[in-house]
PDB file of N, CA and C in Angstrom:
ATOM      1  N   UNK A   1     -13.794  -7.576 -12.940  1.00  0.00           N
ATOM      2  CA  UNK A   1     -12.811  -7.959 -11.954  1.00  0.00           C
ATOM      3  C   UNK A   1     -11.518  -7.202 -12.201  1.00  0.00           C
ATOM      4  N   UNK A   2     -11.587  -5.906 -11.993  1.00  0.00           N
ATOM      5  CA  UNK A   2     -10.453  -5.035 -12.255  1.00  0.00           C
ATOM      6  C   UNK A   2      -9.270  -5.343 -11.349  1.00  0.00           C
ATOM      7  N   UNK A   3      -9.522  -5.843 -10.153  1.00  0.00           N
ATOM      8  CA  UNK A   3      -8.447  -6.098  -9.198  1.00  0.00           C
ATOM      9  C   UNK A   3      -7.492  -7.198  -9.646  1.00  0.00           C
ATOM     10  N   UNK A   4      -7.882  -8.038 -10.598  1.00  0.00           N
ATOM     11  CA  UNK A   4      -7.006  -9.118 -11.052  1.00  0.00           C
ATOM     12  C   UNK A   4      -5.834  -8.599 -11.882  1.00  0.00           C
ATOM     13  N   UNK A   5      -5.921  -7.371 -12.384  1.00  0.00           N
ATOM     14  CA  UNK A   5      -4.864  -6.801 -13.222  1.00  0.00           C
ATOM     15  C   UNK A   5      -4.052  -5.722 -12.522  1.00  0.00           C
ATOM     16  N   UNK A   6      -4.290  -5.457 -11.256  1.00  0.00           N
ATOM     17  CA  UNK A   6      -3.610  -4.367 -10.565  1.00  0.00           C
ATOM     18  C   UNK A   6      -2.115  -4.576 -10.456  1.00  0.00           C
ATOM     19  N   UNK A   7      -1.646  -5.787 -10.296  1.00  0.00           N
ATOM     20  CA  UNK A   7      -0.206  -6.015 -10.158  1.00  0.00           C
ATOM     21  C   UNK A   7       0.544  -5.605 -11.421  1.00  0.00           C
ATOM     22  N   UNK A   8      -0.062  -5.737 -12.582  1.00  0.00           N
ATOM     23  CA  UNK A   8       0.567  -5.369 -13.844  1.00  0.00           C
ATOM     24  C   UNK A   8       0.217  -3.951 -14.273  1.00  0.00           C
ATOM     25  N   UNK A   9      -0.654  -3.279 -13.550  1.00  0.00           N
ATOM     26  CA  UNK A   9      -1.096  -1.933 -13.926  1.00  0.00           C
ATOM     27  C   UNK A   9       0.049  -0.938 -13.778  1.00  0.00           C
ATOM     28  N   UNK A  10      -0.072   0.172 -14.470  1.00  0.00           N
ATOM     29  CA  UNK A  10       0.936   1.221 -14.351  1.00  0.00           C
ATOM     30  C   UNK A  10       0.846   1.856 -12.964  1.00  0.00           C
ATOM     31  N   UNK A  11       1.961   2.336 -12.496  1.00  0.00           N
ATOM     32  CA  UNK A  11       2.029   2.953 -11.178  1.00  0.00           C
ATOM     33  C   UNK A  11       1.450   4.358 -11.244  1.00  0.00           C
ATOM     34  N   UNK A  12       0.533   4.665 -10.331  1.00  0.00           N
ATOM     35  CA  UNK A  12      -0.077   5.994 -10.270  1.00  0.00           C
ATOM     36  C   UNK A  12       0.897   6.992  -9.663  1.00  0.00           C
ATOM     37  N   UNK A  13       1.499   6.617  -8.527  1.00  0.00           N
ATOM     38  CA  UNK A  13       2.462   7.461  -7.831  1.00  0.00           C
ATOM     39  C   UNK A  13       3.207   6.606  -6.819  1.00  0.00           C
ATOM     40  N   UNK A  14       4.203   7.201  -6.191  1.00  0.00           N
ATOM     41  CA  UNK A  14       4.935   6.520  -5.124  1.00  0.00           C
ATOM     42  C   UNK A  14       4.645   7.218  -3.813  1.00  0.00           C
ATOM     43  N   UNK A  15       4.516   6.418  -2.749  1.00  0.00           N
ATOM     44  CA  UNK A  15       4.264   6.953  -1.423  1.00  0.00           C
ATOM     45  C   UNK A  15       5.260   6.355  -0.445  1.00  0.00           C
ATOM     46  N   UNK A  16       5.443   7.034   0.676  1.00  0.00           N
ATOM     47  CA  UNK A  16       6.394   6.581   1.693  1.00  0.00           C
ATOM     48  C   UNK A  16       5.628   6.152   2.936  1.00  0.00           C
ATOM     49  N   UNK A  17       5.964   4.994   3.464  1.00  0.00           N
ATOM     50  CA  UNK A  17       5.354   4.486   4.685  1.00  0.00           C
ATOM     51  C   UNK A  17       5.936   5.250   5.874  1.00  0.00           C
ATOM     52  N   UNK A  18       5.071   5.786   6.732  1.00  0.00           N
ATOM     53  CA  UNK A  18       5.543   6.545   7.885  1.00  0.00           C
ATOM     54  C   UNK A  18       5.464   5.743   9.180  1.00  0.00           C
ATOM     55  N   UNK A  19       4.572   4.745   9.245  1.00  0.00           N
ATOM     56  CA  UNK A  19       4.512   3.886  10.424  1.00  0.00           C
ATOM     57  C   UNK A  19       3.769   2.600  10.080  1.00  0.00           C
ATOM     58  N   UNK A  20       3.950   1.596  10.914  1.00  0.00           N
ATOM     59  CA  UNK A  20       3.265   0.309  10.728  1.00  0.00           C
ATOM     60  C   UNK A  20       2.623  -0.122  12.044  1.00  0.00           C
ATOM     61  N   UNK A  21       2.157   0.860  12.806  1.00  0.00           N
ATOM     62  CA  UNK A  21       1.526   0.593  14.096  1.00  0.00           C
ATOM     63  C   UNK A  21       0.012   0.579  13.920  1.00  0.00           C
ATOM     64  N   UNK A  22      -0.550  -0.587  13.744  1.00  0.00           N
ATOM     65  CA  UNK A  22      -1.988  -0.718  13.569  1.00  0.00           C
ATOM     66  C   UNK A  22      -2.636  -1.141  14.879  1.00  0.00           C
ATOM     67  N   UNK A  23      -3.829  -0.636  15.141  1.00  0.00           N
ATOM     68  CA  UNK A  23      -4.550  -0.994  16.350  1.00  0.00           C
ATOM     69  C   UNK A  23      -5.281  -2.326  16.207  1.00  0.00           C
ATOM     70  N   UNK A  24      -5.797  -2.582  15.016  1.00  0.00           N
ATOM     71  CA  UNK A  24      -6.675  -3.729  14.830  1.00  0.00           C
ATOM     72  C   UNK A  24      -6.042  -4.865  14.028  1.00  0.00           C
ATOM     73  N   UNK A  25      -5.187  -4.554  13.085  1.00  0.00           N
ATOM     74  CA  UNK A  25      -4.615  -5.551  12.189  1.00  0.00           C
ATOM     75  C   UNK A  25      -3.098  -5.589  12.316  1.00  0.00           C
ATOM     76  N   UNK A  26      -2.479  -6.653  11.869  1.00  0.00           N
ATOM     77  CA  UNK A  26      -1.021  -6.765  11.870  1.00  0.00           C
ATOM     78  C   UNK A  26      -0.515  -6.342  10.496  1.00  0.00           C
ATOM     79  N   UNK A  27       0.179  -5.221  10.445  1.00  0.00           N
ATOM     80  CA  UNK A  27       0.731  -4.749   9.175  1.00  0.00           C
ATOM     81  C   UNK A  27       2.247  -4.607   9.219  1.00  0.00           C
ATOM     82  N   UNK A  28       2.850  -4.786  10.389  1.00  0.00           N
ATOM     83  CA  UNK A  28       4.295  -4.574  10.488  1.00  0.00           C
ATOM     84  C   UNK A  28       5.107  -5.644   9.777  1.00  0.00           C
ATOM     85  N   UNK A  29       4.497  -6.752   9.367  1.00  0.00           N
ATOM     86  CA  UNK A  29       5.234  -7.756   8.608  1.00  0.00           C
ATOM     87  C   UNK A  29       5.077  -7.570   7.095  1.00  0.00           C
ATOM     88  N   UNK A  30       4.243  -6.630   6.651  1.00  0.00           N
ATOM     89  CA  UNK A  30       4.101  -6.363   5.220  1.00  0.00           C
ATOM     90  C   UNK A  30       4.421  -4.922   4.836  1.00  0.00           C
ATOM     91  N   UNK A  31       4.594  -4.048   5.826  1.00  0.00           N
ATOM     92  CA  UNK A  31       4.986  -2.661   5.576  1.00  0.00           C
ATOM     93  C   UNK A  31       6.253  -2.342   6.352  1.00  0.00           C
ATOM     94  N   UNK A  32       7.134  -1.566   5.750  1.00  0.00           N
ATOM     95  CA  UNK A  32       8.369  -1.142   6.397  1.00  0.00           C
ATOM     96  C   UNK A  32       8.389   0.379   6.452  1.00  0.00           C
ATOM     97  N   UNK A  33       8.382   0.963   7.663  1.00  0.00           N
ATOM     98  CA  UNK A  33       8.460   2.429   7.747  1.00  0.00           C
ATOM     99  C   UNK A  33       9.722   2.956   7.071  1.00  0.00           C
ATOM    100  N   UNK A  34       9.541   4.014   6.284  1.00  0.00           N
ATOM    101  CA  UNK A  34      10.648   4.616   5.547  1.00  0.00           C
ATOM    102  C   UNK A  34      10.783   4.108   4.126  1.00  0.00           C
ATOM    103  N   UNK A  35      10.167   3.004   3.807  1.00  0.00           N
ATOM    104  CA  UNK A  35      10.245   2.438   2.460  1.00  0.00           C
ATOM    105  C   UNK A  35       9.201   3.081   1.550  1.00  0.00           C
ATOM    106  N   UNK A  36       9.550   3.224   0.281  1.00  0.00           N
ATOM    107  CA  UNK A  36       8.632   3.780  -0.718  1.00  0.00           C
ATOM    108  C   UNK A  36       7.917   2.648  -1.442  1.00  0.00           C
ATOM    109  N   UNK A  37       6.623   2.835  -1.680  1.00  0.00           N
ATOM    110  CA  UNK A  37       5.788   1.826  -2.324  1.00  0.00           C
ATOM    111  C   UNK A  37       5.099   2.419  -3.541  1.00  0.00           C
ATOM    112  N   UNK A  38       4.840   1.567  -4.546  1.00  0.00           N
ATOM    113  CA  UNK A  38       4.152   1.976  -5.762  1.00  0.00           C
ATOM    114  C   UNK A  38       2.646   1.816  -5.579  1.00  0.00           C
ATOM    115  N   UNK A  39       1.905   2.889  -5.846  1.00  0.00           N
ATOM    116  CA  UNK A  39       0.446   2.857  -5.746  1.00  0.00           C
ATOM    117  C   UNK A  39      -0.121   2.382  -7.075  1.00  0.00           C
ATOM    118  N   UNK A  40      -0.899   1.325  -7.025  1.00  0.00           N
ATOM    119  CA  UNK A  40      -1.525   0.789  -8.231  1.00  0.00           C
ATOM    120  C   UNK A  40      -2.972   1.233  -8.375  1.00  0.00           C
ATOM    121  N   UNK A  41      -3.632   1.520  -7.251  1.00  0.00           N
ATOM    122  CA  UNK A  41      -5.002   2.023  -7.266  1.00  0.00           C
ATOM    123  C   UNK A  41      -5.230   2.778  -5.963  1.00  0.00           C
ATOM    124  N   UNK A  42      -6.207   3.673  -5.961  1.00  0.00           N
ATOM    125  CA  UNK A  42      -6.451   4.509  -4.801  1.00  0.00           C
ATOM    126  C   UNK A  42      -7.944   4.777  -4.668  1.00  0.00           C
ATOM    127  N   UNK A  43      -8.436   4.763  -3.426  1.00  0.00           N
ATOM    128  CA  UNK A  43      -9.801   5.178  -3.137  1.00  0.00           C
ATOM    129  C   UNK A  43      -9.729   6.333  -2.153  1.00  0.00           C
ATOM    130  N   UNK A  44     -10.876   6.778  -1.648  1.00  0.00           N
ATOM    131  CA  UNK A  44     -10.889   7.883  -0.690  1.00  0.00           C
ATOM    132  C   UNK A  44     -10.181   7.518   0.602  1.00  0.00           C
ATOM    133  N   UNK A  45     -10.224   6.242   0.986  1.00  0.00           N
ATOM    134  CA  UNK A  45      -9.706   5.820   2.281  1.00  0.00           C
ATOM    135  C   UNK A  45      -8.475   4.917   2.211  1.00  0.00           C
ATOM    136  N   UNK A  46      -8.243   4.262   1.061  1.00  0.00           N
ATOM    137  CA  UNK A  46      -7.193   3.253   0.963  1.00  0.00           C
ATOM    138  C   UNK A  46      -6.262   3.485  -0.225  1.00  0.00           C
ATOM    139  N   UNK A  47      -5.003   3.037  -0.045  1.00  0.00           N
ATOM    140  CA  UNK A  47      -4.057   2.872  -1.143  1.00  0.00           C
ATOM    141  C   UNK A  47      -3.921   1.386  -1.397  1.00  0.00           C
ATOM    142  N   UNK A  48      -3.863   0.985  -2.646  1.00  0.00           N
ATOM    143  CA  UNK A  48      -3.601  -0.397  -3.026  1.00  0.00           C
ATOM    144  C   UNK A  48      -2.195  -0.431  -3.612  1.00  0.00           C
ATOM    145  N   UNK A  49      -1.292  -1.094  -2.891  1.00  0.00           N
ATOM    146  CA  UNK A  49       0.129  -1.053  -3.223  1.00  0.00           C
ATOM    147  C   UNK A  49       0.681  -2.467  -3.347  1.00  0.00           C
ATOM    148  N   UNK A  50       1.881  -2.562  -3.926  1.00  0.00           N
ATOM    149  CA  UNK A  50       2.645  -3.803  -3.890  1.00  0.00           C
ATOM    150  C   UNK A  50       3.415  -3.775  -2.572  1.00  0.00           C
ATOM    151  N   UNK A  51       3.051  -4.639  -1.630  1.00  0.00           N
ATOM    152  CA  UNK A  51       3.670  -4.609  -0.306  1.00  0.00           C
ATOM    153  C   UNK A  51       4.915  -5.503  -0.266  1.00  0.00           C
ATOM    154  N   UNK A  52       5.434  -5.762   0.932  1.00  0.00           N
ATOM    155  CA  UNK A  52       6.671  -6.537   1.077  1.00  0.00           C
ATOM    156  C   UNK A  52       6.536  -7.994   0.654  1.00  0.00           C
ATOM    157  N   UNK A  53       5.323  -8.484   0.469  1.00  0.00           N
ATOM    158  CA  UNK A  53       5.116  -9.855  -0.002  1.00  0.00           C
ATOM    159  C   UNK A  53       5.069  -9.924  -1.527  1.00  0.00           C
ATOM    160  N   UNK A  54       5.272  -8.766  -2.192  1.00  0.00           N
ATOM    161  CA  UNK A  54       5.189  -8.639  -3.657  1.00  0.00           C
ATOM    162  C   UNK A  54       3.804  -8.963  -4.196  1.00  0.00           C
ATOM    163  N   UNK A  55       2.785  -8.718  -3.388  1.00  0.00           N
ATOM    164  CA  UNK A  55       1.386  -8.876  -3.796  1.00  0.00           C
ATOM    165  C   UNK A  55       0.669  -7.553  -3.540  1.00  0.00           C
ATOM    166  N   UNK A  56      -0.497  -7.401  -4.123  1.00  0.00           N
ATOM    167  CA  UNK A  56      -1.304  -6.205  -3.901  1.00  0.00           C
ATOM    168  C   UNK A  56      -1.935  -6.266  -2.515  1.00  0.00           C
ATOM    169  N   UNK A  57      -1.855  -5.170  -1.796  1.00  0.00           N
ATOM    170  CA  UNK A  57      -2.512  -5.054  -0.503  1.00  0.00           C
ATOM    171  C   UNK A  57      -3.169  -3.700  -0.383  1.00  0.00           C
ATOM    172  N   UNK A  58      -4.301  -3.653   0.297  1.00  0.00           N
ATOM    173  CA  UNK A  58      -5.008  -2.399   0.531  1.00  0.00           C
ATOM    174  C   UNK A  58      -4.751  -1.922   1.952  1.00  0.00           C
ATOM    175  N   UNK A  59      -4.264  -0.696   2.080  1.00  0.00           N
ATOM    176  CA  UNK A  59      -3.898  -0.151   3.387  1.00  0.00           C
ATOM    177  C   UNK A  59      -4.488   1.240   3.538  1.00  0.00           C
ATOM    178  N   UNK A  60      -4.870   1.573   4.765  1.00  0.00           N
ATOM    179  CA  UNK A  60      -5.401   2.908   5.050  1.00  0.00           C
ATOM    180  C   UNK A  60      -4.353   3.973   4.732  1.00  0.00           C
ATOM    181  N   UNK A  61      -4.813   5.115   4.332  1.00  0.00           N
ATOM    182  CA  UNK A  61      -3.915   6.186   3.916  1.00  0.00           C
ATOM    183  C   UNK A  61      -3.103   6.771   5.056  1.00  0.00           C
ATOM    184  N   UNK A  62      -3.525   6.554   6.319  1.00  0.00           N
ATOM    185  CA  UNK A  62      -2.787   7.157   7.428  1.00  0.00           C
ATOM    186  C   UNK A  62      -1.446   6.486   7.711  1.00  0.00           C
ATOM    187  N   UNK A  63      -1.136   5.385   7.041  1.00  0.00           N
ATOM    188  CA  UNK A  63       0.184   4.756   7.176  1.00  0.00           C
ATOM    189  C   UNK A  63       1.231   5.417   6.267  1.00  0.00           C
ATOM    190  N   UNK A  64       0.797   6.301   5.377  1.00  0.00           N
ATOM    191  CA  UNK A  64       1.675   6.801   4.319  1.00  0.00           C
ATOM    192  C   UNK A  64       1.670   8.319   4.237  1.00  0.00           C
ATOM    193  N   UNK A  65       2.685   8.829   3.544  1.00  0.00           N
ATOM    194  CA  UNK A  65       2.751  10.221   3.165  1.00  0.00           C
ATOM    195  C   UNK A  65       3.216  10.290   1.719  1.00  0.00           C
ATOM    196  N   UNK A  66       2.771  11.321   1.038  1.00  0.00           N
ATOM    197  CA  UNK A  66       3.179  11.493  -0.356  1.00  0.00           C
ATOM    198  C   UNK A  66       4.447  12.273  -0.370  1.00  0.00           C
TER     199      UNK A  66
END
């Protein structure tokens, strides 16, 4: 259960949110365009970051830029 320790894990890198316009899900209340977020884990399709709720969230990479 590696995901239980992600909040305390070291930061891999920082990324910047470029938009919060999702077609299927509501992300504009947990992501702020222009804000930088700490990446705790990464897959081919998702970043796992500490979002505006101060919890880990998985978001598609197209919301961000490095």
